[in-house]
PDB file of all heavy atoms in Angstrom:
ATOM      1  N   ARG A   1     -57.705 -54.535  -5.698  1.00  0.00           N
ATOM      2  CA  ARG A   1     -57.081 -55.515  -6.588  1.00  0.00           C
ATOM      3  C   ARG A   1     -55.707 -55.917  -6.070  1.00  0.00           C
ATOM      4  O   ARG A   1     -55.294 -57.078  -6.194  1.00  0.00           O
ATOM      5  CB  ARG A   1     -56.985 -54.948  -8.005  1.00  0.00           C
ATOM      6  CG  ARG A   1     -58.348 -54.854  -8.687  1.00  0.00           C
ATOM      7  CD  ARG A   1     -58.254 -54.526 -10.167  1.00  0.00           C
ATOM      8  NE  ARG A   1     -57.864 -53.135 -10.389  1.00  0.00           N
ATOM      9  CZ  ARG A   1     -56.745 -52.750 -10.963  1.00  0.00           C
ATOM     10  NH1 ARG A   1     -55.866 -53.665 -11.369  1.00  0.00           N
ATOM     11  NH2 ARG A   1     -56.481 -51.479 -11.132  1.00  0.00           N
ATOM     12  N   VAL A   2     -54.976 -54.960  -5.493  1.00  0.00           N
ATOM     13  CA  VAL A   2     -53.662 -55.279  -4.927  1.00  0.00           C
ATOM     14  C   VAL A   2     -53.822 -56.218  -3.740  1.00  0.00           C
ATOM     15  O   VAL A   2     -53.090 -57.215  -3.589  1.00  0.00           O
ATOM     16  CB  VAL A   2     -52.937 -53.990  -4.501  1.00  0.00           C
ATOM     17  CG1 VAL A   2     -51.659 -54.320  -3.730  1.00  0.00           C
ATOM     18  CG2 VAL A   2     -52.587 -53.158  -5.735  1.00  0.00           C
ATOM     19  N   SER A   3     -54.789 -55.926  -2.874  1.00  0.00           N
ATOM     20  CA  SER A   3     -55.023 -56.761  -1.693  1.00  0.00           C
ATOM     21  C   SER A   3     -55.408 -58.184  -2.076  1.00  0.00           C
ATOM     22  O   SER A   3     -55.023 -59.144  -1.418  1.00  0.00           O
ATOM     23  CB  SER A   3     -56.115 -56.129  -0.831  1.00  0.00           C
ATOM     24  OG  SER A   3     -56.409 -56.937   0.292  1.00  0.00           O
ATOM     25  N   ALA A   4     -56.162 -58.303  -3.192  1.00  0.00           N
ATOM     26  CA  ALA A   4     -56.595 -59.632  -3.646  1.00  0.00           C
ATOM     27  C   ALA A   4     -55.538 -60.315  -4.499  1.00  0.00           C
ATOM     28  O   ALA A   4     -55.753 -61.453  -4.953  1.00  0.00           O
ATOM     29  CB  ALA A   4     -57.898 -59.501  -4.431  1.00  0.00           C
ATOM     30  N   GLY A   5     -54.399 -59.662  -4.741  1.00  0.00           N
ATOM     31  CA  GLY A   5     -53.342 -60.261  -5.541  1.00  0.00           C
ATOM     32  C   GLY A   5     -53.569 -60.180  -7.031  1.00  0.00           C
ATOM     33  O   GLY A   5     -52.862 -60.841  -7.808  1.00  0.00           O
ATOM     34  N   ARG A   6     -54.539 -59.344  -7.453  1.00  0.00           N
ATOM     35  CA  ARG A   6     -54.818 -59.231  -8.895  1.00  0.00           C
ATOM     36  C   ARG A   6     -54.057 -58.076  -9.544  1.00  0.00           C
ATOM     37  O   ARG A   6     -54.175 -57.854 -10.737  1.00  0.00           O
ATOM     38  CB  ARG A   6     -56.320 -59.042  -9.127  1.00  0.00           C
ATOM     39  CG  ARG A   6     -57.162 -60.237  -8.681  1.00  0.00           C
ATOM     40  CD  ARG A   6     -58.569 -60.155  -9.257  1.00  0.00           C
ATOM     41  NE  ARG A   6     -59.213 -58.899  -8.908  1.00  0.00           N
ATOM     42  CZ  ARG A   6     -59.938 -58.698  -7.801  1.00  0.00           C
ATOM     43  NH1 ARG A   6     -60.043 -59.686  -6.905  1.00  0.00           N
ATOM     44  NH2 ARG A   6     -60.508 -57.543  -7.564  1.00  0.00           N
ATOM     45  N   ALA A   7     -53.290 -57.340  -8.771  1.00  0.00           N
ATOM     46  CA  ALA A   7     -52.444 -56.271  -9.299  1.00  0.00           C
ATOM     47  C   ALA A   7     -51.082 -56.362  -8.637  1.00  0.00           C
ATOM     48  O   ALA A   7     -50.950 -56.807  -7.477  1.00  0.00           O
ATOM     49  CB  ALA A   7     -53.080 -54.904  -9.046  1.00  0.00           C
ATOM     50  N   GLU A   8     -50.038 -55.943  -9.361  1.00  0.00           N
ATOM     51  CA  GLU A   8     -48.658 -56.116  -8.874  1.00  0.00           C
ATOM     52  C   GLU A   8     -48.309 -55.173  -7.737  1.00  0.00           C
ATOM     53  O   GLU A   8     -47.323 -55.374  -7.037  1.00  0.00           O
ATOM     54  CB  GLU A   8     -47.674 -55.890 -10.019  1.00  0.00           C
ATOM     55  CG  GLU A   8     -47.745 -56.922 -11.120  1.00  0.00           C
ATOM     56  CD  GLU A   8     -46.690 -56.660 -12.183  1.00  0.00           C
ATOM     57  OE1 GLU A   8     -46.928 -55.837 -13.082  1.00  0.00           O
ATOM     58  OE2 GLU A   8     -45.607 -57.277 -12.074  1.00  0.00           O
ATOM     59  N   GLY A   9     -49.079 -54.148  -7.540  1.00  0.00           N
ATOM     60  CA  GLY A   9     -48.789 -53.174  -6.505  1.00  0.00           C
ATOM     61  C   GLY A   9     -49.228 -51.797  -6.953  1.00  0.00           C
ATOM     62  O   GLY A   9     -49.771 -51.612  -8.048  1.00  0.00           O
ATOM     63  N   ALA A  10     -48.994 -50.815  -6.082  1.00  0.00           N
ATOM     64  CA  ALA A  10     -49.397 -49.445  -6.401  1.00  0.00           C
ATOM     65  C   ALA A  10     -48.409 -48.464  -5.790  1.00  0.00           C
ATOM     66  O   ALA A  10     -47.824 -48.713  -4.721  1.00  0.00           O
ATOM     67  CB  ALA A  10     -50.811 -49.170  -5.893  1.00  0.00           C
ATOM     68  N   VAL A  11     -48.214 -47.349  -6.484  1.00  0.00           N
ATOM     69  CA  VAL A  11     -47.384 -46.250  -6.004  1.00  0.00           C
ATOM     70  C   VAL A  11     -48.248 -44.992  -6.023  1.00  0.00           C
ATOM     71  O   VAL A  11     -48.870 -44.670  -7.053  1.00  0.00           O
ATOM     72  CB  VAL A  11     -46.134 -46.048  -6.884  1.00  0.00           C
ATOM     73  CG1 VAL A  11     -45.320 -44.861  -6.385  1.00  0.00           C
ATOM     74  CG2 VAL A  11     -45.293 -47.305  -6.927  1.00  0.00           C
ATOM     75  N   VAL A  12     -48.320 -44.304  -4.889  1.00  0.00           N
ATOM     76  CA  VAL A  12     -49.057 -43.045  -4.806  1.00  0.00           C
ATOM     77  C   VAL A  12     -48.043 -41.922  -4.624  1.00  0.00           C
ATOM     78  O   VAL A  12     -47.158 -42.011  -3.745  1.00  0.00           O
ATOM     79  CB  VAL A  12     -50.063 -43.063  -3.643  1.00  0.00           C
ATOM     80  CG1 VAL A  12     -50.726 -41.693  -3.500  1.00  0.00           C
ATOM     81  CG2 VAL A  12     -51.115 -44.129  -3.864  1.00  0.00           C
ATOM     82  N   VAL A  13     -48.159 -40.891  -5.449  1.00  0.00           N
ATOM     83  CA  VAL A  13     -47.224 -39.768  -5.417  1.00  0.00           C
ATOM     84  C   VAL A  13     -48.011 -38.508  -5.069  1.00  0.00           C
ATOM     85  O   VAL A  13     -48.961 -38.142  -5.765  1.00  0.00           O
ATOM     86  CB  VAL A  13     -46.518 -39.584  -6.775  1.00  0.00           C
ATOM     87  CG1 VAL A  13     -45.411 -38.557  -6.650  1.00  0.00           C
ATOM     88  CG2 VAL A  13     -45.986 -40.911  -7.299  1.00  0.00           C
ATOM     89  N   PHE A  14     -47.624 -37.853  -3.982  1.00  0.00           N
ATOM     90  CA  PHE A  14     -48.263 -36.599  -3.567  1.00  0.00           C
ATOM     91  C   PHE A  14     -47.364 -35.447  -4.007  1.00  0.00           C
ATOM     92  O   PHE A  14     -46.156 -35.446  -3.698  1.00  0.00           O
ATOM     93  CB  PHE A  14     -48.447 -36.585  -2.057  1.00  0.00           C
ATOM     94  CG  PHE A  14     -49.724 -35.957  -1.604  1.00  0.00           C
ATOM     95  CD1 PHE A  14     -50.801 -36.711  -1.181  1.00  0.00           C
ATOM     96  CD2 PHE A  14     -49.851 -34.573  -1.611  1.00  0.00           C
ATOM     97  CE1 PHE A  14     -51.977 -36.123  -0.769  1.00  0.00           C
ATOM     98  CE2 PHE A  14     -51.023 -33.971  -1.209  1.00  0.00           C
ATOM     99  CZ  PHE A  14     -52.098 -34.748  -0.787  1.00  0.00           C
ATOM    100  N   ILE A  15     -47.899 -34.472  -4.697  1.00  0.00           N
ATOM    101  CA  ILE A  15     -47.110 -33.372  -5.273  1.00  0.00           C
ATOM    102  C   ILE A  15     -47.711 -32.050  -4.809  1.00  0.00           C
ATOM    103  O   ILE A  15     -48.910 -31.801  -5.005  1.00  0.00           O
ATOM    104  CB  ILE A  15     -47.123 -33.433  -6.808  1.00  0.00           C
ATOM    105  CG1 ILE A  15     -46.645 -34.812  -7.284  1.00  0.00           C
ATOM    106  CG2 ILE A  15     -46.296 -32.322  -7.410  1.00  0.00           C
ATOM    107  CD1 ILE A  15     -47.196 -35.228  -8.623  1.00  0.00           C
ATOM    108  N   ASP A  16     -46.911 -31.215  -4.194  1.00  0.00           N
ATOM    109  CA  ASP A  16     -47.376 -29.913  -3.700  1.00  0.00           C
ATOM    110  C   ASP A  16     -46.404 -28.834  -4.188  1.00  0.00           C
ATOM    111  O   ASP A  16     -45.195 -28.922  -3.936  1.00  0.00           O
ATOM    112  CB  ASP A  16     -47.447 -29.912  -2.175  1.00  0.00           C
ATOM    113  CG  ASP A  16     -48.052 -28.636  -1.628  1.00  0.00           C
ATOM    114  OD1 ASP A  16     -47.284 -27.679  -1.376  1.00  0.00           O
ATOM    115  OD2 ASP A  16     -49.282 -28.583  -1.449  1.00  0.00           O
ATOM    116  N   LEU A  17     -46.918 -27.832  -4.891  1.00  0.00           N
ATOM    117  CA  LEU A  17     -46.052 -26.798  -5.473  1.00  0.00           C
ATOM    118  C   LEU A  17     -45.424 -25.937  -4.383  1.00  0.00           C
ATOM    119  O   LEU A  17     -46.076 -25.607  -3.381  1.00  0.00           O
ATOM    120  CB  LEU A  17     -46.854 -25.907  -6.425  1.00  0.00           C
ATOM    121  CG  LEU A  17     -47.592 -26.612  -7.575  1.00  0.00           C
ATOM    122  CD1 LEU A  17     -48.218 -25.589  -8.519  1.00  0.00           C
ATOM    123  CD2 LEU A  17     -46.647 -27.529  -8.352  1.00  0.00           C
ATOM    124  N   ASN A  18     -44.167 -25.552  -4.605  1.00  0.00           N
ATOM    125  CA  ASN A  18     -43.472 -24.653  -3.685  1.00  0.00           C
ATOM    126  C   ASN A  18     -43.697 -23.200  -4.099  1.00  0.00           C
ATOM    127  O   ASN A  18     -43.594 -22.856  -5.279  1.00  0.00           O
ATOM    128  CB  ASN A  18     -41.964 -24.934  -3.686  1.00  0.00           C
ATOM    129  CG  ASN A  18     -41.651 -26.328  -3.163  1.00  0.00           C
ATOM    130  OD1 ASN A  18     -42.450 -26.936  -2.454  1.00  0.00           O
ATOM    131  ND2 ASN A  18     -40.466 -26.834  -3.514  1.00  0.00           N
ATOM    132  N   GLY A  19     -44.012 -22.364  -3.136  1.00  0.00           N
ATOM    133  CA  GLY A  19     -44.107 -20.931  -3.416  1.00  0.00           C
ATOM    134  C   GLY A  19     -45.271 -20.524  -4.293  1.00  0.00           C
ATOM    135  O   GLY A  19     -45.210 -19.471  -4.935  1.00  0.00           O
ATOM    136  N   PHE A  20     -46.342 -21.310  -4.294  1.00  0.00           N
ATOM    137  CA  PHE A  20     -47.451 -20.958  -5.183  1.00  0.00           C
ATOM    138  C   PHE A  20     -48.139 -19.662  -4.750  1.00  0.00           C
ATOM    139  O   PHE A  20     -48.548 -18.863  -5.586  1.00  0.00           O
ATOM    140  CB  PHE A  20     -48.466 -22.107  -5.215  1.00  0.00           C
ATOM    141  CG  PHE A  20     -49.645 -21.848  -6.115  1.00  0.00           C
ATOM    142  CD1 PHE A  20     -49.494 -21.823  -7.493  1.00  0.00           C
ATOM    143  CD2 PHE A  20     -50.903 -21.596  -5.580  1.00  0.00           C
ATOM    144  CE1 PHE A  20     -50.573 -21.568  -8.315  1.00  0.00           C
ATOM    145  CE2 PHE A  20     -51.990 -21.342  -6.395  1.00  0.00           C
ATOM    146  CZ  PHE A  20     -51.827 -21.334  -7.773  1.00  0.00           C
ATOM    147  N   LYS A  21     -48.244 -19.431  -3.456  1.00  0.00           N
ATOM    148  CA  LYS A  21     -48.885 -18.190  -2.987  1.00  0.00           C
ATOM    149  C   LYS A  21     -48.115 -16.963  -3.456  1.00  0.00           C
ATOM    150  O   LYS A  21     -48.697 -15.948  -3.852  1.00  0.00           O
ATOM    151  CB  LYS A  21     -48.969 -18.204  -1.462  1.00  0.00           C
ATOM    152  CG  LYS A  21     -49.694 -16.980  -0.880  1.00  0.00           C
ATOM    153  CD  LYS A  21     -49.772 -17.068   0.628  1.00  0.00           C
ATOM    154  CE  LYS A  21     -50.552 -15.874   1.205  1.00  0.00           C
ATOM    155  NZ  LYS A  21     -49.955 -14.588   0.844  1.00  0.00           N
ATOM    156  N   ALA A  22     -46.794 -17.063  -3.445  1.00  0.00           N
ATOM    157  CA  ALA A  22     -45.986 -15.927  -3.904  1.00  0.00           C
ATOM    158  C   ALA A  22     -46.221 -15.654  -5.385  1.00  0.00           C
ATOM    159  O   ALA A  22     -46.247 -14.496  -5.822  1.00  0.00           O
ATOM    160  CB  ALA A  22     -44.506 -16.213  -3.641  1.00  0.00           C
ATOM    161  N   ILE A  23     -46.381 -16.714  -6.156  1.00  0.00           N
ATOM    162  CA  ILE A  23     -46.666 -16.530  -7.592  1.00  0.00           C
ATOM    163  C   ILE A  23     -48.020 -15.845  -7.777  1.00  0.00           C
ATOM    164  O   ILE A  23     -48.174 -14.928  -8.591  1.00  0.00           O
ATOM    165  CB  ILE A  23     -46.635 -17.891  -8.314  1.00  0.00           C
ATOM    166  CG1 ILE A  23     -45.214 -18.454  -8.297  1.00  0.00           C
ATOM    167  CG2 ILE A  23     -47.144 -17.754  -9.749  1.00  0.00           C
ATOM    168  CD1 ILE A  23     -45.111 -19.870  -8.801  1.00  0.00           C
ATOM    169  N   ASN A  24     -49.006 -16.276  -6.996  1.00  0.00           N
ATOM    170  CA  ASN A  24     -50.322 -15.629  -7.057  1.00  0.00           C
ATOM    171  C   ASN A  24     -50.222 -14.153  -6.699  1.00  0.00           C
ATOM    172  O   ASN A  24     -50.819 -13.295  -7.344  1.00  0.00           O
ATOM    173  CB  ASN A  24     -51.292 -16.325  -6.094  1.00  0.00           C
ATOM    174  CG  ASN A  24     -52.220 -17.284  -6.807  1.00  0.00           C
ATOM    175  OD1 ASN A  24     -52.406 -17.209  -8.014  1.00  0.00           O
ATOM    176  ND2 ASN A  24     -52.812 -18.197  -6.057  1.00  0.00           N
ATOM    177  N   ASP A  25     -49.489 -13.864  -5.639  1.00  0.00           N
ATOM    178  CA  ASP A  25     -49.359 -12.481  -5.175  1.00  0.00           C
ATOM    179  C   ASP A  25     -48.595 -11.621  -6.170  1.00  0.00           C
ATOM    180  O   ASP A  25     -48.882 -10.423  -6.330  1.00  0.00           O
ATOM    181  CB  ASP A  25     -48.649 -12.436  -3.811  1.00  0.00           C
ATOM    182  CG  ASP A  25     -49.483 -13.067  -2.704  1.00  0.00           C
ATOM    183  OD1 ASP A  25     -50.710 -13.211  -2.906  1.00  0.00           O
ATOM    184  OD2 ASP A  25     -48.907 -13.441  -1.662  1.00  0.00           O
ATOM    185  N   THR A  26     -47.606 -12.211  -6.843  1.00  0.00           N
ATOM    186  CA  THR A  26     -46.764 -11.440  -7.769  1.00  0.00           C
ATOM    187  C   THR A  26     -47.434 -11.233  -9.133  1.00  0.00           C
ATOM    188  O   THR A  26     -47.447 -10.115  -9.673  1.00  0.00           O
ATOM    189  CB  THR A  26     -45.414 -12.155  -7.969  1.00  0.00           C
ATOM    190  OG1 THR A  26     -44.780 -12.322  -6.699  1.00  0.00           O
ATOM    191  CG2 THR A  26     -44.505 -11.349  -8.900  1.00  0.00           C
ATOM    192  N   TYR A  27     -47.985 -12.299  -9.672  1.00  0.00           N
ATOM    193  CA  TYR A  27     -48.494 -12.239 -11.046  1.00  0.00           C
ATOM    194  C   TYR A  27     -50.024 -12.197 -11.142  1.00  0.00           C
ATOM    195  O   TYR A  27     -50.566 -11.970 -12.228  1.00  0.00           O
ATOM    196  CB  TYR A  27     -47.985 -13.439 -11.845  1.00  0.00           C
ATOM    197  CG  TYR A  27     -46.476 -13.508 -11.922  1.00  0.00           C
ATOM    198  CD1 TYR A  27     -45.758 -14.417 -11.146  1.00  0.00           C
ATOM    199  CD2 TYR A  27     -45.776 -12.656 -12.768  1.00  0.00           C
ATOM    200  CE1 TYR A  27     -44.382 -14.480 -11.209  1.00  0.00           C
ATOM    201  CE2 TYR A  27     -44.389 -12.716 -12.836  1.00  0.00           C
ATOM    202  CZ  TYR A  27     -43.697 -13.624 -12.051  1.00  0.00           C
ATOM    203  OH  TYR A  27     -42.328 -13.673 -12.124  1.00  0.00           O
ATOM    204  N   GLY A  28     -50.693 -12.449 -10.027  1.00  0.00           N
ATOM    205  CA  GLY A  28     -52.152 -12.420 -10.045  1.00  0.00           C
ATOM    206  C   GLY A  28     -52.752 -13.816 -10.114  1.00  0.00           C
ATOM    207  O   GLY A  28     -52.088 -14.795 -10.487  1.00  0.00           O
ATOM    208  N   HIS A  29     -54.034 -13.891  -9.727  1.00  0.00           N
ATOM    209  CA  HIS A  29     -54.693 -15.199  -9.655  1.00  0.00           C
ATOM    210  C   HIS A  29     -54.906 -15.814 -11.042  1.00  0.00           C
ATOM    211  O   HIS A  29     -54.941 -17.040 -11.177  1.00  0.00           O
ATOM    212  CB  HIS A  29     -56.030 -15.062  -8.928  1.00  0.00           C
ATOM    213  CG  HIS A  29     -55.871 -14.813  -7.462  1.00  0.00           C
ATOM    214  ND1 HIS A  29     -55.564 -15.802  -6.558  1.00  0.00           N
ATOM    215  CD2 HIS A  29     -55.933 -13.656  -6.734  1.00  0.00           C
ATOM    216  CE1 HIS A  29     -55.472 -15.297  -5.343  1.00  0.00           C
ATOM    217  NE2 HIS A  29     -55.686 -13.986  -5.408  1.00  0.00           N
ATOM    218  N   THR A  30     -55.050 -14.979 -12.065  1.00  0.00           N
ATOM    219  CA  THR A  30     -55.209 -15.530 -13.419  1.00  0.00           C
ATOM    220  C   THR A  30     -53.958 -16.296 -13.822  1.00  0.00           C
ATOM    221  O   THR A  30     -54.030 -17.398 -14.391  1.00  0.00           O
ATOM    222  CB  THR A  30     -55.492 -14.409 -14.427  1.00  0.00           C
ATOM    223  OG1 THR A  30     -56.691 -13.739 -14.049  1.00  0.00           O
ATOM    224  CG2 THR A  30     -55.635 -14.980 -15.836  1.00  0.00           C
ATOM    225  N   ALA A  31     -52.790 -15.712 -13.522  1.00  0.00           N
ATOM    226  CA  ALA A  31     -51.532 -16.401 -13.822  1.00  0.00           C
ATOM    227  C   ALA A  31     -51.406 -17.658 -12.971  1.00  0.00           C
ATOM    228  O   ALA A  31     -50.905 -18.695 -13.433  1.00  0.00           O
ATOM    229  CB  ALA A  31     -50.357 -15.466 -13.566  1.00  0.00           C
TER     230      ALA A  31
END
């Protein structure tokens, strides 16, 4: 739709958690 001019544009946001492995190791996979 953006390419055809039927939408004003698009923003893509990539989000990756910091230190997630440490949280898993400290509190467990359930946490």
